[in-house]
Amino acid sequence: MISAKQIVAIAAMTTFSFGLNASSKTKSLRSIDASPAASTAPMEQYHLRMHHLHTGEDIDVVYRVGNAYVPQALDLLNHFLRDHRTEDVSSYDPKEFDVLHALMTSLGRPDGVIDIVCGYRTPWSNSFLRTRGASTGVAEHSQHMLAKAIDIRVPGVSTATLRDAALALHAGGVGFYPVSQFVHVDVGPVRTWSFR
């Protein structure tokens, strides 16, 4: 089991950056005593680096240590993946983060950046996107509204390669959007589809 001291140490490594310019502010969690007890065996750390294409924000976070999720990191991820149209924040299923971590590891890019095309969507945002035409491919009962889906790209990795790696995980839904150049990954039922 992870100790409170270890959680603080991991949270101290988390950064969340707003914007892309030199004047951008960085929010990070800090710790006075960030060193875990010497007798504590090291535990596997689950790390994610992401860039949000709509907000321009970046996040670099250890969200899980061993079998324990880091609450402060999950809060930052939930805010980062908020509905960028309404600013509403939801509570993501942490298994979605495990899928992203496993995906990046399988691609041989455990420290690579994931570009976020879409995270959480409120019912209003989902409906709004559906009214923009059939060409959007937005599902009426989208897993995005349940905070169980993320649309992604990985710089330097083709969309087809990303899709194949996600399919190999058998961890949930995988949607392939070759025209829009992104892959949908969710932790709903295992299924697959292609849109145009």
N, C-alpha and C. Protein backbone atom coordinates (compact mmCIF):
# COMPACT_ATOMS: atom_id res chain seq x y z
N MET A 1 0.84 -1.19 0.00
CA MET A 1 0.00 0.00 0.00
C MET A 1 0.89 1.25 0.00
N ILE A 2 0.47 2.25 -0.71
CA ILE A 2 1.22 3.50 -0.82
C ILE A 2 1.02 4.34 0.44
N SER A 3 2.09 4.94 0.92
CA SER A 3 2.00 5.77 2.12
C SER A 3 1.67 7.21 1.74
N ALA A 4 1.20 7.97 2.71
CA ALA A 4 0.90 9.38 2.49
C ALA A 4 2.17 10.12 2.07
N LYS A 5 3.30 9.72 2.62
CA LYS A 5 4.57 10.36 2.30
C LYS A 5 4.93 10.14 0.82
N GLN A 6 4.67 8.92 0.32
CA GLN A 6 4.94 8.62 -1.08
C GLN A 6 4.01 9.42 -2.00
N ILE A 7 2.76 9.55 -1.63
CA ILE A 7 1.81 10.34 -2.44
C ILE A 7 2.29 11.77 -2.55
N VAL A 8 2.73 12.35 -1.44
CA VAL A 8 3.22 13.73 -1.46
C VAL A 8 4.45 13.83 -2.35
N ALA A 9 5.34 12.83 -2.26
CA ALA A 9 6.55 12.85 -3.09
C ALA A 9 6.20 12.79 -4.56
N ILE A 10 5.26 11.94 -4.93
CA ILE A 10 4.86 11.82 -6.33
C ILE A 10 4.14 13.08 -6.78
N ALA A 11 3.26 13.59 -5.95
CA ALA A 11 2.52 14.81 -6.31
C ALA A 11 3.48 15.98 -6.52
N ALA A 12 4.60 15.97 -5.84
CA ALA A 12 5.58 17.05 -5.99
C ALA A 12 6.19 17.06 -7.39
N MET A 13 6.10 15.93 -8.10
CA MET A 13 6.65 15.85 -9.45
C MET A 13 5.66 16.31 -10.52
N THR A 14 4.44 16.61 -10.12
CA THR A 14 3.39 16.93 -11.07
C THR A 14 3.42 18.40 -11.45
N THR A 15 3.33 18.68 -12.74
CA THR A 15 3.21 20.05 -13.19
C THR A 15 2.06 20.17 -14.17
N PHE A 16 1.47 21.33 -14.15
CA PHE A 16 0.34 21.61 -15.02
C PHE A 16 0.56 23.01 -15.56
N SER A 17 0.76 23.14 -16.85
CA SER A 17 1.10 24.42 -17.45
C SER A 17 -0.08 24.97 -18.23
N PHE A 18 -0.30 26.28 -18.07
CA PHE A 18 -1.37 26.95 -18.79
C PHE A 18 -0.77 27.75 -19.92
N GLY A 19 -1.21 27.48 -21.14
CA GLY A 19 -0.75 28.26 -22.29
C GLY A 19 0.60 27.80 -22.80
N LEU A 20 1.02 28.41 -23.91
CA LEU A 20 2.26 28.01 -24.56
C LEU A 20 3.31 29.09 -24.61
N ASN A 21 2.97 30.32 -24.21
CA ASN A 21 3.94 31.40 -24.36
C ASN A 21 4.82 31.55 -23.12
N ALA A 22 5.82 32.38 -23.24
CA ALA A 22 6.81 32.54 -22.17
C ALA A 22 6.20 33.10 -20.90
N SER A 23 5.08 33.81 -21.03
CA SER A 23 4.47 34.40 -19.85
C SER A 23 3.50 33.43 -19.17
N SER A 24 3.42 32.19 -19.67
CA SER A 24 2.47 31.23 -19.09
C SER A 24 2.86 30.90 -17.66
N LYS A 25 1.84 30.58 -16.88
CA LYS A 25 2.06 30.24 -15.48
C LYS A 25 2.08 28.73 -15.34
N THR A 26 2.87 28.22 -14.42
CA THR A 26 2.92 26.80 -14.14
C THR A 26 2.47 26.57 -12.71
N LYS A 27 1.51 25.68 -12.57
CA LYS A 27 1.03 25.32 -11.25
C LYS A 27 1.64 23.96 -10.93
N SER A 28 2.29 23.82 -9.80
CA SER A 28 2.79 22.50 -9.43
C SER A 28 2.59 22.29 -7.95
N LEU A 29 2.45 21.04 -7.59
CA LEU A 29 2.31 20.68 -6.19
C LEU A 29 3.71 20.54 -5.60
N ARG A 30 3.94 21.08 -4.45
CA ARG A 30 5.25 21.03 -3.81
C ARG A 30 5.16 20.32 -2.46
N SER A 31 6.26 19.83 -2.02
CA SER A 31 6.31 19.12 -0.75
C SER A 31 7.51 19.60 0.05
N ILE A 32 7.35 19.71 1.36
CA ILE A 32 8.47 20.07 2.22
C ILE A 32 9.38 18.86 2.40
N ASP A 33 8.78 17.69 2.68
CA ASP A 33 9.55 16.47 2.84
C ASP A 33 9.09 15.48 1.78
N ALA A 34 9.77 15.49 0.63
CA ALA A 34 9.35 14.65 -0.49
C ALA A 34 10.09 13.33 -0.56
N SER A 35 10.91 13.01 0.41
CA SER A 35 11.67 11.76 0.32
C SER A 35 10.92 10.64 1.04
N PRO A 36 10.65 9.53 0.32
CA PRO A 36 9.99 8.40 0.97
C PRO A 36 10.93 7.76 1.99
N ALA A 37 10.37 7.05 2.93
CA ALA A 37 11.17 6.39 3.96
C ALA A 37 12.18 5.45 3.30
N ALA A 38 13.38 5.40 3.85
CA ALA A 38 14.47 4.60 3.27
C ALA A 38 14.11 3.12 3.19
N SER A 39 13.27 2.64 4.10
CA SER A 39 12.93 1.22 4.12
C SER A 39 11.82 0.88 3.12
N THR A 40 11.25 1.87 2.50
CA THR A 40 10.15 1.61 1.58
C THR A 40 10.70 1.15 0.23
N ALA A 41 10.22 0.00 -0.24
CA ALA A 41 10.66 -0.50 -1.54
C ALA A 41 10.06 0.37 -2.63
N PRO A 42 10.83 0.60 -3.71
CA PRO A 42 10.31 1.43 -4.79
C PRO A 42 9.10 0.75 -5.45
N MET A 43 8.14 1.57 -5.83
CA MET A 43 6.94 1.06 -6.49
C MET A 43 6.88 1.64 -7.89
N GLU A 44 6.25 0.88 -8.80
CA GLU A 44 6.13 1.36 -10.18
C GLU A 44 5.33 2.65 -10.22
N GLN A 45 5.83 3.60 -10.99
CA GLN A 45 5.14 4.87 -11.17
C GLN A 45 4.53 4.92 -12.56
N TYR A 46 3.28 5.37 -12.63
CA TYR A 46 2.54 5.49 -13.88
C TYR A 46 2.49 6.97 -14.25
N HIS A 47 3.08 7.29 -15.38
CA HIS A 47 3.34 8.68 -15.77
C HIS A 47 2.62 9.00 -17.07
N LEU A 48 2.07 10.21 -17.18
CA LEU A 48 1.46 10.68 -18.43
C LEU A 48 1.93 12.10 -18.73
N ARG A 49 2.21 12.35 -20.00
CA ARG A 49 2.52 13.70 -20.49
C ARG A 49 1.53 13.99 -21.62
N MET A 50 0.80 15.10 -21.49
CA MET A 50 -0.21 15.41 -22.48
C MET A 50 -0.21 16.90 -22.84
N HIS A 51 -0.66 17.17 -24.06
CA HIS A 51 -0.85 18.54 -24.55
C HIS A 51 -2.27 18.63 -25.09
N HIS A 52 -3.02 19.62 -24.62
CA HIS A 52 -4.41 19.79 -25.07
C HIS A 52 -4.43 20.73 -26.27
N LEU A 53 -4.91 20.23 -27.40
CA LEU A 53 -4.89 21.01 -28.64
C LEU A 53 -5.84 22.20 -28.63
N HIS A 54 -6.88 22.19 -27.79
CA HIS A 54 -7.84 23.30 -27.76
C HIS A 54 -7.49 24.37 -26.73
N THR A 55 -6.94 23.97 -25.59
CA THR A 55 -6.65 24.95 -24.54
C THR A 55 -5.18 25.40 -24.56
N GLY A 56 -4.31 24.62 -25.22
CA GLY A 56 -2.89 24.93 -25.23
C GLY A 56 -2.19 24.54 -23.94
N GLU A 57 -2.88 23.86 -23.05
CA GLU A 57 -2.31 23.47 -21.77
C GLU A 57 -1.50 22.18 -21.90
N ASP A 58 -0.54 22.02 -21.00
CA ASP A 58 0.27 20.81 -20.91
C ASP A 58 0.19 20.25 -19.50
N ILE A 59 0.31 18.94 -19.40
CA ILE A 59 0.37 18.31 -18.08
C ILE A 59 1.42 17.20 -18.12
N ASP A 60 2.15 17.07 -17.04
CA ASP A 60 3.18 16.06 -16.87
C ASP A 60 2.96 15.52 -15.46
N VAL A 61 2.44 14.31 -15.34
CA VAL A 61 1.94 13.86 -14.05
C VAL A 61 2.19 12.38 -13.81
N VAL A 62 2.55 12.05 -12.58
CA VAL A 62 2.54 10.68 -12.08
C VAL A 62 1.19 10.54 -11.40
N TYR A 63 0.31 9.74 -11.99
CA TYR A 63 -1.07 9.66 -11.49
C TYR A 63 -1.32 8.41 -10.65
N ARG A 64 -0.37 7.47 -10.67
CA ARG A 64 -0.55 6.22 -9.94
C ARG A 64 0.81 5.71 -9.51
N VAL A 65 0.87 5.14 -8.30
CA VAL A 65 2.08 4.50 -7.79
C VAL A 65 1.68 3.12 -7.31
N GLY A 66 2.27 2.09 -7.90
CA GLY A 66 1.85 0.73 -7.58
C GLY A 66 0.38 0.57 -7.95
N ASN A 67 -0.42 0.13 -7.01
CA ASN A 67 -1.86 -0.04 -7.26
C ASN A 67 -2.69 1.13 -6.77
N ALA A 68 -2.03 2.18 -6.28
CA ALA A 68 -2.75 3.32 -5.69
C ALA A 68 -2.72 4.54 -6.61
N TYR A 69 -3.90 5.10 -6.88
CA TYR A 69 -3.99 6.34 -7.64
C TYR A 69 -3.69 7.51 -6.73
N VAL A 70 -3.06 8.54 -7.28
CA VAL A 70 -2.69 9.73 -6.52
C VAL A 70 -3.83 10.74 -6.65
N PRO A 71 -4.60 10.99 -5.57
CA PRO A 71 -5.78 11.85 -5.66
C PRO A 71 -5.53 13.23 -6.24
N GLN A 72 -4.43 13.88 -5.83
CA GLN A 72 -4.14 15.22 -6.35
C GLN A 72 -3.90 15.18 -7.86
N ALA A 73 -3.22 14.14 -8.32
CA ALA A 73 -2.94 14.00 -9.74
C ALA A 73 -4.22 13.75 -10.53
N LEU A 74 -5.12 12.94 -9.98
CA LEU A 74 -6.40 12.69 -10.65
C LEU A 74 -7.21 13.98 -10.77
N ASP A 75 -7.17 14.81 -9.72
CA ASP A 75 -7.86 16.10 -9.77
C ASP A 75 -7.30 16.98 -10.89
N LEU A 76 -5.97 17.00 -11.02
CA LEU A 76 -5.35 17.80 -12.08
C LEU A 76 -5.73 17.26 -13.46
N LEU A 77 -5.73 15.94 -13.61
CA LEU A 77 -6.11 15.34 -14.89
C LEU A 77 -7.57 15.64 -15.23
N ASN A 78 -8.44 15.56 -14.23
CA ASN A 78 -9.86 15.86 -14.48
C ASN A 78 -10.03 17.30 -14.95
N HIS A 79 -9.30 18.22 -14.34
CA HIS A 79 -9.37 19.62 -14.76
C HIS A 79 -8.79 19.80 -16.16
N PHE A 80 -7.66 19.17 -16.41
CA PHE A 80 -7.01 19.26 -17.71
C PHE A 80 -7.93 18.76 -18.83
N LEU A 81 -8.68 17.70 -18.57
CA LEU A 81 -9.54 17.07 -19.57
C LEU A 81 -10.97 17.60 -19.55
N ARG A 82 -11.18 18.73 -18.88
CA ARG A 82 -12.52 19.32 -18.78
C ARG A 82 -13.10 19.63 -20.16
N ASP A 83 -14.40 19.85 -20.20
CA ASP A 83 -15.06 20.28 -21.44
C ASP A 83 -14.56 21.69 -21.74
N HIS A 84 -13.80 21.85 -22.81
CA HIS A 84 -13.20 23.16 -23.09
C HIS A 84 -14.22 24.17 -23.58
N ARG A 85 -15.41 23.73 -23.94
CA ARG A 85 -16.45 24.66 -24.38
C ARG A 85 -17.19 25.27 -23.18
N THR A 86 -17.43 24.47 -22.15
CA THR A 86 -18.24 24.92 -21.01
C THR A 86 -17.42 25.11 -19.73
N GLU A 87 -16.19 24.57 -19.71
CA GLU A 87 -15.32 24.58 -18.52
C GLU A 87 -15.81 23.62 -17.43
N ASP A 88 -16.80 22.79 -17.72
CA ASP A 88 -17.27 21.80 -16.74
C ASP A 88 -16.22 20.70 -16.59
N VAL A 89 -16.03 20.28 -15.34
CA VAL A 89 -15.07 19.23 -15.00
C VAL A 89 -15.85 18.01 -14.55
N SER A 90 -15.41 16.84 -14.96
CA SER A 90 -16.02 15.60 -14.51
C SER A 90 -14.97 14.77 -13.78
N SER A 91 -15.34 13.59 -13.37
CA SER A 91 -14.42 12.71 -12.66
C SER A 91 -14.15 11.50 -13.55
N TYR A 92 -12.98 11.48 -14.18
CA TYR A 92 -12.62 10.42 -15.11
C TYR A 92 -12.46 9.07 -14.42
N ASP A 93 -12.83 8.02 -15.13
CA ASP A 93 -12.54 6.67 -14.69
C ASP A 93 -11.02 6.51 -14.80
N PRO A 94 -10.31 6.28 -13.69
CA PRO A 94 -8.85 6.19 -13.74
C PRO A 94 -8.33 5.10 -14.68
N LYS A 95 -9.18 4.12 -15.00
CA LYS A 95 -8.75 3.08 -15.93
C LYS A 95 -8.45 3.67 -17.31
N GLU A 96 -9.08 4.80 -17.64
CA GLU A 96 -8.79 5.47 -18.91
C GLU A 96 -7.32 5.92 -18.94
N PHE A 97 -6.82 6.39 -17.82
CA PHE A 97 -5.42 6.81 -17.74
C PHE A 97 -4.49 5.60 -17.86
N ASP A 98 -4.92 4.47 -17.28
CA ASP A 98 -4.13 3.24 -17.41
C ASP A 98 -4.05 2.81 -18.87
N VAL A 99 -5.13 2.98 -19.61
CA VAL A 99 -5.13 2.63 -21.04
C VAL A 99 -4.13 3.52 -21.79
N LEU A 100 -4.15 4.82 -21.51
CA LEU A 100 -3.21 5.73 -22.17
C LEU A 100 -1.77 5.35 -21.83
N HIS A 101 -1.52 5.05 -20.56
CA HIS A 101 -0.18 4.67 -20.13
C HIS A 101 0.27 3.38 -20.84
N ALA A 102 -0.61 2.38 -20.87
CA ALA A 102 -0.29 1.11 -21.54
C ALA A 102 -0.07 1.33 -23.03
N LEU A 103 -0.85 2.19 -23.63
CA LEU A 103 -0.73 2.49 -25.05
C LEU A 103 0.64 3.11 -25.36
N MET A 104 1.04 4.10 -24.58
CA MET A 104 2.33 4.75 -24.81
C MET A 104 3.49 3.78 -24.57
N THR A 105 3.35 2.92 -23.58
CA THR A 105 4.38 1.92 -23.30
C THR A 105 4.48 0.95 -24.47
N SER A 106 3.34 0.50 -25.00
CA SER A 106 3.35 -0.45 -26.11
C SER A 106 3.94 0.16 -27.38
N LEU A 107 3.83 1.48 -27.51
CA LEU A 107 4.41 2.18 -28.66
C LEU A 107 5.91 2.45 -28.48
N GLY A 108 6.45 2.09 -27.31
CA GLY A 108 7.86 2.36 -27.02
C GLY A 108 8.13 3.82 -26.72
N ARG A 109 7.09 4.54 -26.28
CA ARG A 109 7.21 5.97 -25.98
C ARG A 109 6.64 6.27 -24.59
N PRO A 110 7.15 5.62 -23.55
CA PRO A 110 6.58 5.82 -22.22
C PRO A 110 6.66 7.27 -21.73
N ASP A 111 7.60 8.05 -22.25
CA ASP A 111 7.72 9.45 -21.86
C ASP A 111 7.23 10.40 -22.96
N GLY A 112 6.58 9.84 -23.98
CA GLY A 112 6.10 10.65 -25.09
C GLY A 112 4.89 11.49 -24.71
N VAL A 113 4.62 12.48 -25.53
CA VAL A 113 3.49 13.38 -25.31
C VAL A 113 2.28 12.88 -26.10
N ILE A 114 1.13 12.92 -25.47
CA ILE A 114 -0.14 12.59 -26.12
C ILE A 114 -0.85 13.91 -26.40
N ASP A 115 -1.23 14.13 -27.65
CA ASP A 115 -2.04 15.30 -28.00
C ASP A 115 -3.51 14.96 -27.76
N ILE A 116 -4.18 15.80 -26.98
CA ILE A 116 -5.59 15.59 -26.68
C ILE A 116 -6.45 16.37 -27.66
N VAL A 117 -7.27 15.65 -28.41
CA VAL A 117 -8.22 16.26 -29.33
C VAL A 117 -9.52 16.56 -28.59
N CYS A 118 -9.95 15.62 -27.76
CA CYS A 118 -11.18 15.81 -26.99
C CYS A 118 -11.15 14.94 -25.75
N GLY A 119 -11.51 15.52 -24.61
CA GLY A 119 -11.64 14.79 -23.36
C GLY A 119 -13.10 14.68 -22.98
N TYR A 120 -13.42 15.17 -21.80
CA TYR A 120 -14.80 15.14 -21.30
C TYR A 120 -15.68 16.06 -22.14
N ARG A 121 -16.92 15.61 -22.39
CA ARG A 121 -17.93 16.45 -23.04
C ARG A 121 -19.20 16.41 -22.23
N THR A 122 -19.75 17.58 -21.94
CA THR A 122 -21.06 17.65 -21.31
C THR A 122 -22.10 17.19 -22.33
N PRO A 123 -23.30 16.83 -21.88
CA PRO A 123 -24.36 16.51 -22.83
C PRO A 123 -24.62 17.67 -23.79
N TRP A 124 -24.51 18.91 -23.29
CA TRP A 124 -24.70 20.07 -24.17
C TRP A 124 -23.66 20.09 -25.29
N SER A 125 -22.38 19.92 -24.94
CA SER A 125 -21.32 19.93 -25.95
C SER A 125 -21.49 18.78 -26.94
N ASN A 126 -21.86 17.61 -26.43
CA ASN A 126 -22.05 16.47 -27.30
C ASN A 126 -23.17 16.74 -28.30
N SER A 127 -24.25 17.31 -27.80
CA SER A 127 -25.39 17.66 -28.67
C SER A 127 -24.99 18.72 -29.69
N PHE A 128 -24.23 19.71 -29.23
CA PHE A 128 -23.77 20.78 -30.11
C PHE A 128 -22.95 20.21 -31.26
N LEU A 129 -22.02 19.30 -30.95
CA LEU A 129 -21.20 18.70 -31.99
C LEU A 129 -22.03 17.87 -32.96
N ARG A 130 -23.06 17.19 -32.46
CA ARG A 130 -23.92 16.39 -33.33
C ARG A 130 -24.71 17.27 -34.30
N THR A 131 -25.05 18.49 -33.89
CA THR A 131 -25.82 19.38 -34.77
C THR A 131 -24.96 19.95 -35.89
N ARG A 132 -23.67 19.75 -35.82
CA ARG A 132 -22.78 20.28 -36.87
C ARG A 132 -22.73 19.37 -38.09
N GLY A 133 -23.52 18.30 -38.06
CA GLY A 133 -23.64 17.44 -39.23
C GLY A 133 -23.21 16.02 -38.97
N ALA A 134 -23.63 15.15 -39.89
CA ALA A 134 -23.30 13.73 -39.79
C ALA A 134 -21.80 13.50 -39.96
N SER A 135 -21.11 14.47 -40.52
CA SER A 135 -19.68 14.30 -40.79
C SER A 135 -18.82 14.34 -39.52
N THR A 136 -19.41 14.67 -38.38
CA THR A 136 -18.62 14.73 -37.14
C THR A 136 -18.37 13.35 -36.55
N GLY A 137 -19.29 12.41 -36.77
CA GLY A 137 -19.13 11.07 -36.22
C GLY A 137 -19.33 11.02 -34.71
N VAL A 138 -20.02 12.01 -34.14
CA VAL A 138 -20.24 12.06 -32.69
C VAL A 138 -21.43 11.18 -32.31
N ALA A 139 -21.21 10.23 -31.41
CA ALA A 139 -22.26 9.32 -30.96
C ALA A 139 -23.24 10.03 -30.03
N GLU A 140 -24.50 9.67 -30.14
CA GLU A 140 -25.52 10.29 -29.28
C GLU A 140 -25.28 9.98 -27.81
N HIS A 141 -24.86 8.76 -27.52
CA HIS A 141 -24.60 8.34 -26.13
C HIS A 141 -23.10 8.12 -25.94
N SER A 142 -22.33 9.14 -26.22
CA SER A 142 -20.87 9.06 -26.22
C SER A 142 -20.29 8.76 -24.84
N GLN A 143 -19.24 7.93 -24.84
CA GLN A 143 -18.49 7.66 -23.61
C GLN A 143 -17.79 8.92 -23.09
N HIS A 144 -17.61 9.92 -23.96
CA HIS A 144 -17.03 11.19 -23.52
C HIS A 144 -17.89 11.83 -22.42
N MET A 145 -19.21 11.67 -22.52
CA MET A 145 -20.11 12.27 -21.52
C MET A 145 -20.02 11.56 -20.17
N LEU A 146 -19.48 10.34 -20.17
CA LEU A 146 -19.31 9.59 -18.92
C LEU A 146 -17.90 9.72 -18.37
N ALA A 147 -17.07 10.56 -19.02
CA ALA A 147 -15.66 10.71 -18.64
C ALA A 147 -14.94 9.37 -18.68
N LYS A 148 -15.20 8.64 -19.79
CA LYS A 148 -14.56 7.35 -20.00
C LYS A 148 -13.90 7.27 -21.37
N ALA A 149 -13.76 8.40 -22.07
CA ALA A 149 -13.20 8.40 -23.42
C ALA A 149 -12.33 9.62 -23.66
N ILE A 150 -11.32 9.43 -24.51
CA ILE A 150 -10.44 10.53 -24.91
C ILE A 150 -10.07 10.29 -26.38
N ASP A 151 -10.10 11.37 -27.17
CA ASP A 151 -9.65 11.32 -28.55
C ASP A 151 -8.22 11.86 -28.58
N ILE A 152 -7.32 11.10 -29.22
CA ILE A 152 -5.89 11.41 -29.12
C ILE A 152 -5.15 11.31 -30.45
N ARG A 153 -3.98 11.94 -30.45
CA ARG A 153 -2.93 11.77 -31.46
C ARG A 153 -1.63 11.63 -30.69
N VAL A 154 -0.65 11.01 -31.30
CA VAL A 154 0.70 10.96 -30.72
C VAL A 154 1.65 11.46 -31.80
N PRO A 155 2.27 12.62 -31.59
CA PRO A 155 3.19 13.15 -32.59
C PRO A 155 4.26 12.13 -32.99
N GLY A 156 4.44 11.97 -34.31
CA GLY A 156 5.43 11.03 -34.81
C GLY A 156 4.92 9.62 -34.98
N VAL A 157 3.65 9.37 -34.61
CA VAL A 157 3.05 8.04 -34.75
C VAL A 157 1.85 8.18 -35.68
N SER A 158 1.78 7.35 -36.71
CA SER A 158 0.64 7.44 -37.63
C SER A 158 -0.64 7.05 -36.91
N THR A 159 -1.74 7.58 -37.40
CA THR A 159 -3.04 7.27 -36.80
C THR A 159 -3.33 5.78 -36.90
N ALA A 160 -2.96 5.15 -38.00
CA ALA A 160 -3.19 3.70 -38.17
C ALA A 160 -2.38 2.90 -37.16
N THR A 161 -1.13 3.29 -36.92
CA THR A 161 -0.29 2.60 -35.93
C THR A 161 -0.87 2.78 -34.53
N LEU A 162 -1.33 3.98 -34.24
CA LEU A 162 -1.94 4.26 -32.93
C LEU A 162 -3.19 3.42 -32.73
N ARG A 163 -4.03 3.34 -33.78
CA ARG A 163 -5.24 2.50 -33.72
C ARG A 163 -4.88 1.05 -33.46
N ASP A 164 -3.91 0.51 -34.20
CA ASP A 164 -3.52 -0.89 -34.04
C ASP A 164 -3.01 -1.18 -32.63
N ALA A 165 -2.24 -0.25 -32.08
CA ALA A 165 -1.72 -0.43 -30.72
C ALA A 165 -2.86 -0.41 -29.71
N ALA A 166 -3.83 0.48 -29.91
CA ALA A 166 -4.98 0.54 -29.00
C ALA A 166 -5.83 -0.72 -29.10
N LEU A 167 -6.03 -1.22 -30.32
CA LEU A 167 -6.81 -2.45 -30.51
C LEU A 167 -6.15 -3.64 -29.81
N ALA A 168 -4.82 -3.69 -29.86
CA ALA A 168 -4.08 -4.80 -29.26
C ALA A 168 -4.26 -4.87 -27.74
N LEU A 169 -4.65 -3.76 -27.11
CA LEU A 169 -4.84 -3.75 -25.66
C LEU A 169 -6.14 -4.44 -25.24
N HIS A 170 -7.13 -4.50 -26.11
CA HIS A 170 -8.45 -5.08 -25.80
C HIS A 170 -9.01 -4.51 -24.49
N ALA A 171 -8.90 -3.19 -24.35
CA ALA A 171 -9.26 -2.54 -23.08
C ALA A 171 -10.56 -1.75 -23.13
N GLY A 172 -11.19 -1.65 -24.30
CA GLY A 172 -12.41 -0.86 -24.43
C GLY A 172 -12.64 -0.52 -25.88
N GLY A 173 -13.36 0.57 -26.12
CA GLY A 173 -13.67 0.98 -27.47
C GLY A 173 -12.51 1.70 -28.14
N VAL A 174 -12.35 1.43 -29.44
CA VAL A 174 -11.32 2.09 -30.24
C VAL A 174 -11.97 2.56 -31.53
N GLY A 175 -11.99 3.87 -31.73
CA GLY A 175 -12.52 4.44 -32.95
C GLY A 175 -11.41 5.04 -33.79
N PHE A 176 -11.46 4.80 -35.08
CA PHE A 176 -10.42 5.26 -36.01
C PHE A 176 -11.01 6.34 -36.90
N TYR A 177 -10.42 7.54 -36.83
CA TYR A 177 -10.88 8.70 -37.60
C TYR A 177 -9.72 9.16 -38.50
N PRO A 178 -9.51 8.48 -39.64
CA PRO A 178 -8.34 8.78 -40.47
C PRO A 178 -8.38 10.16 -41.13
N VAL A 179 -9.57 10.67 -41.44
CA VAL A 179 -9.65 11.99 -42.07
C VAL A 179 -9.30 13.08 -41.06
N SER A 180 -9.87 12.98 -39.86
CA SER A 180 -9.60 13.96 -38.80
C SER A 180 -8.28 13.68 -38.09
N GLN A 181 -7.68 12.53 -38.37
CA GLN A 181 -6.38 12.15 -37.82
C GLN A 181 -6.35 12.04 -36.30
N PHE A 182 -7.28 11.25 -35.76
CA PHE A 182 -7.21 10.93 -34.34
C PHE A 182 -7.77 9.55 -34.08
N VAL A 183 -7.51 9.04 -32.88
CA VAL A 183 -8.03 7.75 -32.43
C VAL A 183 -8.79 7.98 -31.13
N HIS A 184 -9.98 7.42 -31.06
CA HIS A 184 -10.81 7.46 -29.86
C HIS A 184 -10.47 6.21 -29.04
N VAL A 185 -10.17 6.40 -27.75
CA VAL A 185 -9.96 5.26 -26.84
C VAL A 185 -10.85 5.46 -25.63
N ASP A 186 -11.57 4.40 -25.25
CA ASP A 186 -12.43 4.50 -24.07
C ASP A 186 -12.37 3.21 -23.28
N VAL A 187 -12.93 3.26 -22.08
CA VAL A 187 -12.97 2.08 -21.21
C VAL A 187 -14.38 1.53 -21.08
N GLY A 188 -15.18 1.76 -22.13
CA GLY A 188 -16.49 1.14 -22.22
C GLY A 188 -16.33 -0.28 -22.74
N PRO A 189 -17.42 -0.85 -23.28
CA PRO A 189 -17.34 -2.21 -23.83
C PRO A 189 -16.30 -2.28 -24.96
N VAL A 190 -15.66 -3.44 -25.11
CA VAL A 190 -14.68 -3.65 -26.18
C VAL A 190 -15.43 -3.67 -27.51
N ARG A 191 -15.04 -2.75 -28.41
CA ARG A 191 -15.64 -2.65 -29.73
C ARG A 191 -14.74 -1.78 -30.58
N THR A 192 -14.98 -1.77 -31.88
CA THR A 192 -14.16 -0.96 -32.77
C THR A 192 -15.00 -0.43 -33.91
N TRP A 193 -14.59 0.72 -34.45
CA TRP A 193 -15.26 1.30 -35.60
C TRP A 193 -14.29 2.24 -36.31
N SER A 194 -14.63 2.50 -37.57
CA SER A 194 -13.89 3.49 -38.36
C SER A 194 -14.89 4.50 -38.86
N PHE A 195 -14.48 5.75 -38.91
CA PHE A 195 -15.36 6.80 -39.42
C PHE A 195 -14.71 7.43 -40.63
N ARG A 196 -15.26 7.14 -41.78
CA ARG A 196 -14.79 7.65 -43.09
C ARG A 196 -13.35 7.30 -43.31
